[in-house]
């Protein structure tokens, strides 16, 4: 009986004053989580939206560069693929494989 009182007494003492220490422990984690979101996640989402908009704006006749570095002209478009003309040969690629639209002056 005395041994259990000795063991549980420090636990009750910690519970009484532990409210502020839990908040002090969580506050830096919340700040780090917010910084992580602002520094890493938001810029990635912006980049992803910009790429999706660029791919949606590509139309037949545009010159594009694929993620593999192939320069080609778009000759057909379906829901999720482009048909590209590469020097007289055609190839189908998924829209996600298009890295950028090439301006006529750059090609």
PDB file of N, CA and C in Angstrom:
ATOM      1  N   UNK A   1       0.812  -1.184   0.000  1.00  0.00           N
ATOM      2  CA  UNK A   1       0.000   0.000   0.000  1.00  0.00           C
ATOM      3  C   UNK A   1       0.863   1.259   0.000  1.00  0.00           C
ATOM      4  N   UNK A   2       1.871   1.259   0.823  1.00  0.00           N
ATOM      5  CA  UNK A   2       2.761   2.416   0.901  1.00  0.00           C
ATOM      6  C   UNK A   2       3.568   2.531  -0.395  1.00  0.00           C
ATOM      7  N   UNK A   3       3.968   1.377  -0.936  1.00  0.00           N
ATOM      8  CA  UNK A   3       4.753   1.404  -2.169  1.00  0.00           C
ATOM      9  C   UNK A   3       3.940   1.986  -3.326  1.00  0.00           C
ATOM     10  N   UNK A   4       2.658   1.634  -3.408  1.00  0.00           N
ATOM     11  CA  UNK A   4       1.838   2.178  -4.495  1.00  0.00           C
ATOM     12  C   UNK A   4       1.605   3.670  -4.303  1.00  0.00           C
ATOM     13  N   UNK A   5       1.511   4.135  -3.082  1.00  0.00           N
ATOM     14  CA  UNK A   5       1.352   5.565  -2.829  1.00  0.00           C
ATOM     15  C   UNK A   5       2.611   6.318  -3.225  1.00  0.00           C
ATOM     16  N   UNK A   6       3.771   5.714  -2.994  1.00  0.00           N
ATOM     17  CA  UNK A   6       5.034   6.358  -3.359  1.00  0.00           C
ATOM     18  C   UNK A   6       5.161   6.441  -4.881  1.00  0.00           C
ATOM     19  N   UNK A   7       4.711   5.408  -5.585  1.00  0.00           N
ATOM     20  CA  UNK A   7       4.821   5.379  -7.038  1.00  0.00           C
ATOM     21  C   UNK A   7       3.809   6.329  -7.685  1.00  0.00           C
ATOM     22  N   UNK A   8       2.576   6.369  -7.178  1.00  0.00           N
ATOM     23  CA  UNK A   8       1.543   7.184  -7.815  1.00  0.00           C
ATOM     24  C   UNK A   8       1.622   8.655  -7.421  1.00  0.00           C
ATOM     25  N   UNK A   9       2.229   9.004  -6.328  1.00  0.00           N
ATOM     26  CA  UNK A   9       2.316  10.407  -5.905  1.00  0.00           C
ATOM     27  C   UNK A   9       3.027  11.271  -6.950  1.00  0.00           C
ATOM     28  N   UNK A  10       4.175  10.853  -7.488  1.00  0.00           N
ATOM     29  CA  UNK A  10       4.805  11.699  -8.515  1.00  0.00           C
ATOM     30  C   UNK A  10       3.962  11.811  -9.793  1.00  0.00           C
ATOM     31  N   UNK A  11       3.192  10.775 -10.117  1.00  0.00           N
ATOM     32  CA  UNK A  11       2.349  10.839 -11.309  1.00  0.00           C
ATOM     33  C   UNK A  11       1.272  11.896 -11.164  1.00  0.00           C
ATOM     34  N   UNK A  12       0.643  11.974  -9.973  1.00  0.00           N
ATOM     35  CA  UNK A  12      -0.374  12.996  -9.753  1.00  0.00           C
ATOM     36  C   UNK A  12       0.245  14.378  -9.725  1.00  0.00           C
ATOM     37  N   UNK A  13       1.439  14.500  -9.210  1.00  0.00           N
ATOM     38  CA  UNK A  13       2.111  15.798  -9.176  1.00  0.00           C
ATOM     39  C   UNK A  13       2.418  16.272 -10.600  1.00  0.00           C
ATOM     40  N   UNK A  14       2.790  15.368 -11.478  1.00  0.00           N
ATOM     41  CA  UNK A  14       3.067  15.739 -12.860  1.00  0.00           C
ATOM     42  C   UNK A  14       1.787  16.122 -13.592  1.00  0.00           C
ATOM     43  N   UNK A  15       0.685  15.445 -13.291  1.00  0.00           N
ATOM     44  CA  UNK A  15      -0.567  15.725 -13.973  1.00  0.00           C
ATOM     45  C   UNK A  15      -1.086  17.115 -13.634  1.00  0.00           C
ATOM     46  N   UNK A  16      -0.844  17.579 -12.395  1.00  0.00           N
ATOM     47  CA  UNK A  16      -1.334  18.893 -11.995  1.00  0.00           C
ATOM     48  C   UNK A  16      -0.590  20.012 -12.736  1.00  0.00           C
ATOM     49  N   UNK A  17       0.705  19.913 -12.869  1.00  0.00           N
ATOM     50  CA  UNK A  17       1.481  20.971 -13.510  1.00  0.00           C
ATOM     51  C   UNK A  17       1.814  20.673 -14.953  1.00  0.00           C
ATOM     52  N   UNK A  18       1.311  19.595 -15.514  1.00  0.00           N
ATOM     53  CA  UNK A  18       1.688  19.179 -16.860  1.00  0.00           C
ATOM     54  C   UNK A  18       0.939  19.878 -17.976  1.00  0.00           C
ATOM     55  N   UNK A  19      -0.069  20.655 -17.697  1.00  0.00           N
ATOM     56  CA  UNK A  19      -0.853  21.303 -18.731  1.00  0.00           C
ATOM     57  C   UNK A  19      -0.040  22.281 -19.554  1.00  0.00           C
ATOM     58  N   UNK A  20       0.746  23.085 -18.904  1.00  0.00           N
ATOM     59  CA  UNK A  20       1.533  24.068 -19.642  1.00  0.00           C
ATOM     60  C   UNK A  20       2.708  23.412 -20.363  1.00  0.00           C
ATOM     61  N   UNK A  21       3.238  22.334 -19.834  1.00  0.00           N
ATOM     62  CA  UNK A  21       4.358  21.674 -20.498  1.00  0.00           C
ATOM     63  C   UNK A  21       3.899  20.974 -21.782  1.00  0.00           C
ATOM     64  N   UNK A  22       2.673  20.476 -21.800  1.00  0.00           N
ATOM     65  CA  UNK A  22       2.161  19.854 -23.029  1.00  0.00           C
ATOM     66  C   UNK A  22       1.976  20.910 -24.108  1.00  0.00           C
ATOM     67  N   UNK A  23       1.488  22.077 -23.737  1.00  0.00           N
ATOM     68  CA  UNK A  23       1.329  23.158 -24.696  1.00  0.00           C
ATOM     69  C   UNK A  23       2.693  23.659 -25.168  1.00  0.00           C
ATOM     70  N   UNK A  24       3.624  23.748 -24.254  1.00  0.00           N
ATOM     71  CA  UNK A  24       4.978  24.180 -24.611  1.00  0.00           C
ATOM     72  C   UNK A  24       5.645  23.158 -25.526  1.00  0.00           C
ATOM     73  N   UNK A  25       5.283  21.898 -25.389  1.00  0.00           N
ATOM     74  CA  UNK A  25       5.837  20.859 -26.251  1.00  0.00           C
ATOM     75  C   UNK A  25       5.190  20.888 -27.640  1.00  0.00           C
ATOM     76  N   UNK A  26       3.891  21.122 -27.722  1.00  0.00           N
ATOM     77  CA  UNK A  26       3.174  21.092 -28.994  1.00  0.00           C
ATOM     78  C   UNK A  26       3.366  22.352 -29.825  1.00  0.00           C
ATOM     79  N   UNK A  27       3.567  23.495 -29.187  1.00  0.00           N
ATOM     80  CA  UNK A  27       3.689  24.753 -29.922  1.00  0.00           C
ATOM     81  C   UNK A  27       4.827  24.738 -30.936  1.00  0.00           C
ATOM     82  N   UNK A  28       6.033  24.315 -30.596  1.00  0.00           N
ATOM     83  CA  UNK A  28       7.091  24.261 -31.619  1.00  0.00           C
ATOM     84  C   UNK A  28       6.780  23.279 -32.752  1.00  0.00           C
ATOM     85  N   UNK A  29       6.111  22.175 -32.429  1.00  0.00           N
ATOM     86  CA  UNK A  29       5.744  21.215 -33.477  1.00  0.00           C
ATOM     87  C   UNK A  29       4.730  21.811 -34.444  1.00  0.00           C
ATOM     88  N   UNK A  30       3.796  22.586 -33.921  1.00  0.00           N
ATOM     89  CA  UNK A  30       2.805  23.236 -34.774  1.00  0.00           C
ATOM     90  C   UNK A  30       3.491  24.276 -35.659  1.00  0.00           C
ATOM     91  N   UNK A  31       4.413  25.028 -35.100  1.00  0.00           N
ATOM     92  CA  UNK A  31       5.161  26.027 -35.876  1.00  0.00           C
ATOM     93  C   UNK A  31       5.974  25.339 -36.971  1.00  0.00           C
ATOM     94  N   UNK A  32       6.661  24.240 -36.642  1.00  0.00           N
ATOM     95  CA  UNK A  32       7.445  23.511 -37.642  1.00  0.00           C
ATOM     96  C   UNK A  32       6.544  22.926 -38.733  1.00  0.00           C
ATOM     97  N   UNK A  33       5.387  22.428 -38.359  1.00  0.00           N
ATOM     98  CA  UNK A  33       4.443  21.908 -39.340  1.00  0.00           C
ATOM     99  C   UNK A  33       3.970  22.997 -40.288  1.00  0.00           C
ATOM    100  N   UNK A  34       3.690  24.189 -39.755  1.00  0.00           N
ATOM    101  CA  UNK A  34       3.287  25.313 -40.594  1.00  0.00           C
ATOM    102  C   UNK A  34       4.393  25.743 -41.542  1.00  0.00           C
ATOM    103  N   UNK A  35       5.627  25.803 -41.052  1.00  0.00           N
ATOM    104  CA  UNK A  35       6.763  26.156 -41.902  1.00  0.00           C
ATOM    105  C   UNK A  35       6.978  25.112 -42.991  1.00  0.00           C
ATOM    106  N   UNK A  36       6.864  23.853 -42.633  1.00  0.00           N
ATOM    107  CA  UNK A  36       7.006  22.770 -43.605  1.00  0.00           C
ATOM    108  C   UNK A  36       5.977  22.928 -44.719  1.00  0.00           C
ATOM    109  N   UNK A  37       4.753  23.245 -44.346  1.00  0.00           N
ATOM    110  CA  UNK A  37       3.685  23.421 -45.329  1.00  0.00           C
ATOM    111  C   UNK A  37       3.984  24.596 -46.247  1.00  0.00           C
ATOM    112  N   UNK A  38       4.391  25.728 -45.679  1.00  0.00           N
ATOM    113  CA  UNK A  38       4.626  26.939 -46.467  1.00  0.00           C
ATOM    114  C   UNK A  38       5.865  26.795 -47.353  1.00  0.00           C
ATOM    115  N   UNK A  39       6.913  26.177 -46.852  1.00  0.00           N
ATOM    116  CA  UNK A  39       8.168  26.104 -47.600  1.00  0.00           C
ATOM    117  C   UNK A  39       8.158  24.991 -48.647  1.00  0.00           C
ATOM    118  N   UNK A  40       7.539  23.853 -48.357  1.00  0.00           N
ATOM    119  CA  UNK A  40       7.618  22.713 -49.264  1.00  0.00           C
ATOM    120  C   UNK A  40       6.334  22.428 -50.034  1.00  0.00           C
ATOM    121  N   UNK A  41       5.217  22.414 -49.384  1.00  0.00           N
ATOM    122  CA  UNK A  41       3.991  21.943 -50.011  1.00  0.00           C
ATOM    123  C   UNK A  41       3.354  23.001 -50.907  1.00  0.00           C
ATOM    124  N   UNK A  42       3.237  24.241 -50.452  1.00  0.00           N
ATOM    125  CA  UNK A  42       2.612  25.285 -51.272  1.00  0.00           C
ATOM    126  C   UNK A  42       3.332  25.521 -52.596  1.00  0.00           C
ATOM    127  N   UNK A  43       4.671  25.669 -52.616  1.00  0.00           N
ATOM    128  CA  UNK A  43       5.335  25.856 -53.917  1.00  0.00           C
ATOM    129  C   UNK A  43       5.145  24.673 -54.862  1.00  0.00           C
ATOM    130  N   UNK A  44       5.135  23.462 -54.325  1.00  0.00           N
ATOM    131  CA  UNK A  44       4.933  22.285 -55.170  1.00  0.00           C
ATOM    132  C   UNK A  44       3.534  22.294 -55.778  1.00  0.00           C
ATOM    133  N   UNK A  45       2.537  22.674 -55.006  1.00  0.00           N
ATOM    134  CA  UNK A  45       1.170  22.749 -55.538  1.00  0.00           C
ATOM    135  C   UNK A  45       1.066  23.800 -56.625  1.00  0.00           C
ATOM    136  N   UNK A  46       1.724  24.950 -56.421  1.00  0.00           N
ATOM    137  CA  UNK A  46       1.697  26.003 -57.444  1.00  0.00           C
ATOM    138  C   UNK A  46       2.342  25.516 -58.739  1.00  0.00           C
ATOM    139  N   UNK A  47       3.496  24.838 -58.616  1.00  0.00           N
ATOM    140  CA  UNK A  47       4.186  24.307 -59.788  1.00  0.00           C
ATOM    141  C   UNK A  47       3.303  23.299 -60.518  1.00  0.00           C
ATOM    142  N   UNK A  48       2.650  22.434 -59.754  1.00  0.00           N
ATOM    143  CA  UNK A  48       1.803  21.408 -60.343  1.00  0.00           C
ATOM    144  C   UNK A  48       0.612  22.036 -61.078  1.00  0.00           C
ATOM    145  N   UNK A  49      -0.023  23.043 -60.486  1.00  0.00           N
ATOM    146  CA  UNK A  49      -1.145  23.713 -61.149  1.00  0.00           C
ATOM    147  C   UNK A  49      -0.683  24.409 -62.422  1.00  0.00           C
ATOM    148  N   UNK A  50       0.506  25.013 -62.383  1.00  0.00           N
ATOM    149  CA  UNK A  50       1.042  25.694 -63.559  1.00  0.00           C
ATOM    150  C   UNK A  50       1.294  24.693 -64.689  1.00  0.00           C
ATOM    151  N   UNK A  51       1.847  23.515 -64.363  1.00  0.00           N
ATOM    152  CA  UNK A  51       2.092  22.485 -65.370  1.00  0.00           C
ATOM    153  C   UNK A  51       0.782  21.946 -65.939  1.00  0.00           C
ATOM    154  N   UNK A  52      -0.216  21.727 -65.097  1.00  0.00           N
ATOM    155  CA  UNK A  52      -1.513  21.242 -65.571  1.00  0.00           C
ATOM    156  C   UNK A  52      -2.162  22.266 -66.504  1.00  0.00           C
ATOM    157  N   UNK A  53      -2.041  23.549 -66.178  1.00  0.00           N
ATOM    158  CA  UNK A  53      -2.607  24.590 -67.033  1.00  0.00           C
ATOM    159  C   UNK A  53      -1.875  24.647 -68.364  1.00  0.00           C
ATOM    160  N   UNK A  54      -0.545  24.502 -68.340  1.00  0.00           N
ATOM    161  CA  UNK A  54       0.241  24.522 -69.571  1.00  0.00           C
ATOM    162  C   UNK A  54      -0.164  23.355 -70.467  1.00  0.00           C
ATOM    163  N   UNK A  55      -0.336  22.178 -69.888  1.00  0.00           N
ATOM    164  CA  UNK A  55      -0.726  21.006 -70.678  1.00  0.00           C
ATOM    165  C   UNK A  55      -2.143  21.158 -71.230  1.00  0.00           C
ATOM    166  N   UNK A  56      -3.017  21.816 -70.473  1.00  0.00           N
ATOM    167  CA  UNK A  56      -4.383  22.032 -70.952  1.00  0.00           C
ATOM    168  C   UNK A  56      -4.415  23.042 -72.097  1.00  0.00           C
ATOM    169  N   UNK A  57      -3.461  23.971 -72.116  1.00  0.00           N
ATOM    170  CA  UNK A  57      -3.422  25.002 -73.157  1.00  0.00           C
ATOM    171  C   UNK A  57      -2.781  24.535 -74.460  1.00  0.00           C
ATOM    172  N   UNK A  58      -2.120  23.387 -74.453  1.00  0.00           N
ATOM    173  CA  UNK A  58      -1.466  22.892 -75.669  1.00  0.00           C
ATOM    174  C   UNK A  58      -2.537  22.433 -76.654  1.00  0.00           C
ATOM    175  N   UNK A  59      -2.366  22.847 -77.903  1.00  0.00           N
ATOM    176  CA  UNK A  59      -3.334  22.459 -78.934  1.00  0.00           C
ATOM    177  C   UNK A  59      -2.591  21.867 -80.129  1.00  0.00           C
ATOM    178  N   UNK A  60      -3.357  21.368 -81.078  1.00  0.00           N
ATOM    179  CA  UNK A  60      -2.782  20.781 -82.288  1.00  0.00           C
ATOM    180  C   UNK A  60      -1.973  21.848 -83.022  1.00  0.00           C
ATOM    181  N   UNK A  61      -0.763  21.488 -83.427  1.00  0.00           N
ATOM    182  CA  UNK A  61       0.121  22.407 -84.131  1.00  0.00           C
ATOM    183  C   UNK A  61       1.210  22.995 -83.257  1.00  0.00           C
ATOM    184  N   UNK A  62       1.078  22.906 -81.929  1.00  0.00           N
ATOM    185  CA  UNK A  62       2.106  23.431 -81.036  1.00  0.00           C
ATOM    186  C   UNK A  62       3.325  22.526 -81.028  1.00  0.00           C
ATOM    187  N   UNK A  63       4.485  23.126 -80.864  1.00  0.00           N
ATOM    188  CA  UNK A  63       5.712  22.346 -80.734  1.00  0.00           C
ATOM    189  C   UNK A  63       5.999  22.184 -79.246  1.00  0.00           C
ATOM    190  N   UNK A  64       6.310  20.947 -78.839  1.00  0.00           N
ATOM    191  CA  UNK A  64       6.516  20.643 -77.432  1.00  0.00           C
ATOM    192  C   UNK A  64       7.824  19.878 -77.239  1.00  0.00           C
ATOM    193  N   UNK A  65       8.286  19.878 -75.991  1.00  0.00           N
ATOM    194  CA  UNK A  65       9.437  19.068 -75.591  1.00  0.00           C
ATOM    195  C   UNK A  65       8.952  18.096 -74.531  1.00  0.00           C
ATOM    196  N   UNK A  66       9.268  16.825 -74.706  1.00  0.00           N
ATOM    197  CA  UNK A  66       8.854  15.817 -73.737  1.00  0.00           C
ATOM    198  C   UNK A  66       9.870  15.757 -72.600  1.00  0.00           C
ATOM    199  N   UNK A  67       9.526  15.023 -71.546  1.00  0.00           N
ATOM    200  CA  UNK A  67      10.452  14.900 -70.424  1.00  0.00           C
ATOM    201  C   UNK A  67      11.700  14.119 -70.814  1.00  0.00           C
ATOM    202  N   UNK A  68      11.641  13.403 -71.938  1.00  0.00           N
ATOM    203  CA  UNK A  68      12.812  12.692 -72.447  1.00  0.00           C
ATOM    204  C   UNK A  68      13.663  13.536 -73.371  1.00  0.00           C
ATOM    205  N   UNK A  69      13.227  14.789 -73.637  1.00  0.00           N
ATOM    206  CA  UNK A  69      14.001  15.689 -74.470  1.00  0.00           C
ATOM    207  C   UNK A  69      13.654  15.650 -75.943  1.00  0.00           C
ATOM    208  N   UNK A  70      12.600  14.952 -76.317  1.00  0.00           N
ATOM    209  CA  UNK A  70      12.193  14.859 -77.716  1.00  0.00           C
ATOM    210  C   UNK A  70      11.402  16.096 -78.093  1.00  0.00           C
ATOM    211  N   UNK A  71      11.818  16.760 -79.172  1.00  0.00           N
ATOM    212  CA  UNK A  71      11.084  17.901 -79.702  1.00  0.00           C
ATOM    213  C   UNK A  71      10.160  17.411 -80.799  1.00  0.00           C
ATOM    214  N   UNK A  72       8.869  17.769 -80.704  1.00  0.00           N
ATOM    215  CA  UNK A  72       7.892  17.267 -81.672  1.00  0.00           C
ATOM    216  C   UNK A  72       6.739  18.246 -81.792  1.00  0.00           C
ATOM    217  N   UNK A  73       5.942  18.048 -82.826  1.00  0.00           N
ATOM    218  CA  UNK A  73       4.758  18.879 -83.060  1.00  0.00           C
ATOM    219  C   UNK A  73       3.520  18.033 -82.754  1.00  0.00           C
ATOM    220  N   UNK A  74       2.560  18.615 -82.057  1.00  0.00           N
ATOM    221  CA  UNK A  74       1.319  17.925 -81.700  1.00  0.00           C
ATOM    222  C   UNK A  74       0.434  17.853 -82.942  1.00  0.00           C
ATOM    223  N   UNK A  75       0.025  16.619 -83.291  1.00  0.00           N
ATOM    224  CA  UNK A  75      -0.853  16.444 -84.447  1.00  0.00           C
ATOM    225  C   UNK A  75      -2.247  15.964 -84.053  1.00  0.00           C
ATOM    226  N   UNK A  76      -2.402  15.434 -82.850  1.00  0.00           N
ATOM    227  CA  UNK A  76      -3.712  14.982 -82.383  1.00  0.00           C
ATOM    228  C   UNK A  76      -3.700  14.979 -80.866  1.00  0.00           C
ATOM    229  N   UNK A  77      -4.896  15.132 -80.290  1.00  0.00           N
ATOM    230  CA  UNK A  77      -5.030  15.168 -78.838  1.00  0.00           C
ATOM    231  C   UNK A  77      -6.251  14.363 -78.443  1.00  0.00           C
ATOM    232  N   UNK A  78      -6.105  13.522 -77.425  1.00  0.00           N
ATOM    233  CA  UNK A  78      -7.254  12.819 -76.857  1.00  0.00           C
ATOM    234  C   UNK A  78      -7.327  13.182 -75.374  1.00  0.00           C
ATOM    235  N   UNK A  79      -8.134  12.461 -74.621  1.00  0.00           N
ATOM    236  CA  UNK A  79      -8.332  12.811 -73.217  1.00  0.00           C
ATOM    237  C   UNK A  79      -7.035  12.864 -72.422  1.00  0.00           C
ATOM    238  N   UNK A  80      -6.216  11.836 -72.543  1.00  0.00           N
ATOM    239  CA  UNK A  80      -5.003  11.793 -71.735  1.00  0.00           C
ATOM    240  C   UNK A  80      -3.727  11.580 -72.540  1.00  0.00           C
ATOM    241  N   UNK A  81      -3.797  11.671 -73.865  1.00  0.00           N
ATOM    242  CA  UNK A  81      -2.600  11.478 -74.680  1.00  0.00           C
ATOM    243  C   UNK A  81      -2.496  12.536 -75.768  1.00  0.00           C
ATOM    244  N   UNK A  82      -1.271  12.742 -76.212  1.00  0.00           N
ATOM    245  CA  UNK A  82      -0.981  13.545 -77.390  1.00  0.00           C
ATOM    246  C   UNK A  82      -0.383  12.619 -78.433  1.00  0.00           C
ATOM    247  N   UNK A  83      -0.679  12.866 -79.698  1.00  0.00           N
ATOM    248  CA  UNK A  83       0.018  12.200 -80.787  1.00  0.00           C
ATOM    249  C   UNK A  83       0.985  13.236 -81.348  1.00  0.00           C
ATOM    250  N   UNK A  84       2.268  12.882 -81.361  1.00  0.00           N
ATOM    251  CA  UNK A  84       3.309  13.813 -81.756  1.00  0.00           C
ATOM    252  C   UNK A  84       3.936  13.397 -83.076  1.00  0.00           C
ATOM    253  N   UNK A  85       4.285  14.371 -83.894  1.00  0.00           N
ATOM    254  CA  UNK A  85       4.994  14.138 -85.141  1.00  0.00           C
ATOM    255  C   UNK A  85       6.465  14.458 -84.889  1.00  0.00           C
ATOM    256  N   UNK A  86       7.300  13.421 -85.056  1.00  0.00           N
ATOM    257  CA  UNK A  86       8.732  13.573 -84.831  1.00  0.00           C
ATOM    258  C   UNK A  86       9.438  13.269 -86.142  1.00  0.00           C
ATOM    259  N   UNK A  87       9.662  14.284 -86.945  1.00  0.00           N
ATOM    260  CA  UNK A  87      10.382  14.101 -88.203  1.00  0.00           C
ATOM    261  C   UNK A  87       9.736  13.108 -89.143  1.00  0.00           C
ATOM    262  N   UNK A  88       8.431  13.153 -89.303  1.00  0.00           N
ATOM    263  CA  UNK A  88       7.739  12.251 -90.217  1.00  0.00           C
ATOM    264  C   UNK A  88       7.214  10.987 -89.557  1.00  0.00           C
ATOM    265  N   UNK A  89       7.598  10.726 -88.338  1.00  0.00           N
ATOM    266  CA  UNK A  89       7.094   9.568 -87.590  1.00  0.00           C
ATOM    267  C   UNK A  89       6.188  10.074 -86.483  1.00  0.00           C
ATOM    268  N   UNK A  90       5.143   9.315 -86.177  1.00  0.00           N
ATOM    269  CA  UNK A  90       4.247   9.727 -85.102  1.00  0.00           C
ATOM    270  C   UNK A  90       4.458   8.826 -83.896  1.00  0.00           C
ATOM    271  N   UNK A  91       4.219   9.414 -82.753  1.00  0.00           N
ATOM    272  CA  UNK A  91       4.286   8.653 -81.503  1.00  0.00           C
ATOM    273  C   UNK A  91       3.242   9.214 -80.548  1.00  0.00           C
ATOM    274  N   UNK A  92       2.689   8.323 -79.733  1.00  0.00           N
ATOM    275  CA  UNK A  92       1.707   8.732 -78.733  1.00  0.00           C
ATOM    276  C   UNK A  92       2.391   8.809 -77.381  1.00  0.00           C
ATOM    277  N   UNK A  93       2.127   9.883 -76.653  1.00  0.00           N
ATOM    278  CA  UNK A  93       2.656  10.033 -75.301  1.00  0.00           C
ATOM    279  C   UNK A  93       1.525  10.499 -74.392  1.00  0.00           C
ATOM    280  N   UNK A  94       1.618  10.160 -73.133  1.00  0.00           N
ATOM    281  CA  UNK A  94       0.646  10.672 -72.169  1.00  0.00           C
ATOM    282  C   UNK A  94       0.918  12.154 -71.956  1.00  0.00           C
ATOM    283  N   UNK A  95      -0.101  12.884 -71.607  1.00  0.00           N
ATOM    284  CA  UNK A  95       0.050  14.331 -71.457  1.00  0.00           C
ATOM    285  C   UNK A  95       1.061  14.696 -70.379  1.00  0.00           C
ATOM    286  N   UNK A  96       1.182  13.870 -69.361  1.00  0.00           N
ATOM    287  CA  UNK A  96       2.145  14.148 -68.290  1.00  0.00           C
ATOM    288  C   UNK A  96       3.585  14.069 -68.767  1.00  0.00           C
ATOM    289  N   UNK A  97       3.823  13.469 -69.939  1.00  0.00           N
ATOM    290  CA  UNK A  97       5.182  13.350 -70.464  1.00  0.00           C
ATOM    291  C   UNK A  97       5.638  14.612 -71.175  1.00  0.00           C
ATOM    292  N   UNK A  98       4.745  15.575 -71.358  1.00  0.00           N
ATOM    293  CA  UNK A  98       5.129  16.837 -72.001  1.00  0.00           C
ATOM    294  C   UNK A  98       5.687  17.764 -70.930  1.00  0.00           C
ATOM    295  N   UNK A  99       6.935  18.183 -71.126  1.00  0.00           N
ATOM    296  CA  UNK A  99       7.587  19.042 -70.150  1.00  0.00           C
ATOM    297  C   UNK A  99       7.309  20.513 -70.383  1.00  0.00           C
ATOM    298  N   UNK A 100       7.277  20.935 -71.658  1.00  0.00           N
ATOM    299  CA  UNK A 100       7.041  22.344 -71.936  1.00  0.00           C
ATOM    300  C   UNK A 100       6.617  22.548 -73.378  1.00  0.00           C
ATOM    301  N   UNK A 101       6.013  23.693 -73.623  1.00  0.00           N
ATOM    302  CA  UNK A 101       5.703  24.106 -74.986  1.00  0.00           C
ATOM    303  C   UNK A 101       6.886  24.937 -75.472  1.00  0.00           C
ATOM    304  N   UNK A 102       7.380  24.627 -76.655  1.00  0.00           N
ATOM    305  CA  UNK A 102       8.545  25.312 -77.198  1.00  0.00           C
ATOM    306  C   UNK A 102       8.073  26.450 -78.087  1.00  0.00           C
ATOM    307  N   UNK A 103       8.588  27.632 -77.850  1.00  0.00           N
ATOM    308  CA  UNK A 103       8.276  28.769 -78.727  1.00  0.00           C
ATOM    309  C   UNK A 103       8.944  28.579 -80.056  1.00  0.00           C
ATOM    310  N   UNK A 104       8.357  29.119 -81.075  1.00  0.00           N
ATOM    311  CA  UNK A 104       8.912  28.959 -82.437  1.00  0.00           C
ATOM    312  C   UNK A 104      10.322  29.545 -82.540  1.00  0.00           C
ATOM    313  N   UNK A 105      10.622  30.589 -81.791  1.00  0.00           N
ATOM    314  CA  UNK A 105      11.956  31.196 -81.845  1.00  0.00           C
ATOM    315  C   UNK A 105      13.025  30.341 -81.185  1.00  0.00           C
ATOM    316  N   UNK A 106      12.650  29.476 -80.231  1.00  0.00           N
ATOM    317  CA  UNK A 106      13.613  28.649 -79.515  1.00  0.00           C
ATOM    318  C   UNK A 106      14.011  27.413 -80.309  1.00  0.00           C
ATOM    319  N   UNK A 107      13.126  26.886 -81.160  1.00  0.00           N
ATOM    320  CA  UNK A 107      13.347  25.619 -81.827  1.00  0.00           C
ATOM    321  C   UNK A 107      14.386  25.699 -82.885  1.00  0.00           C
TER     322      UNK A 107
END
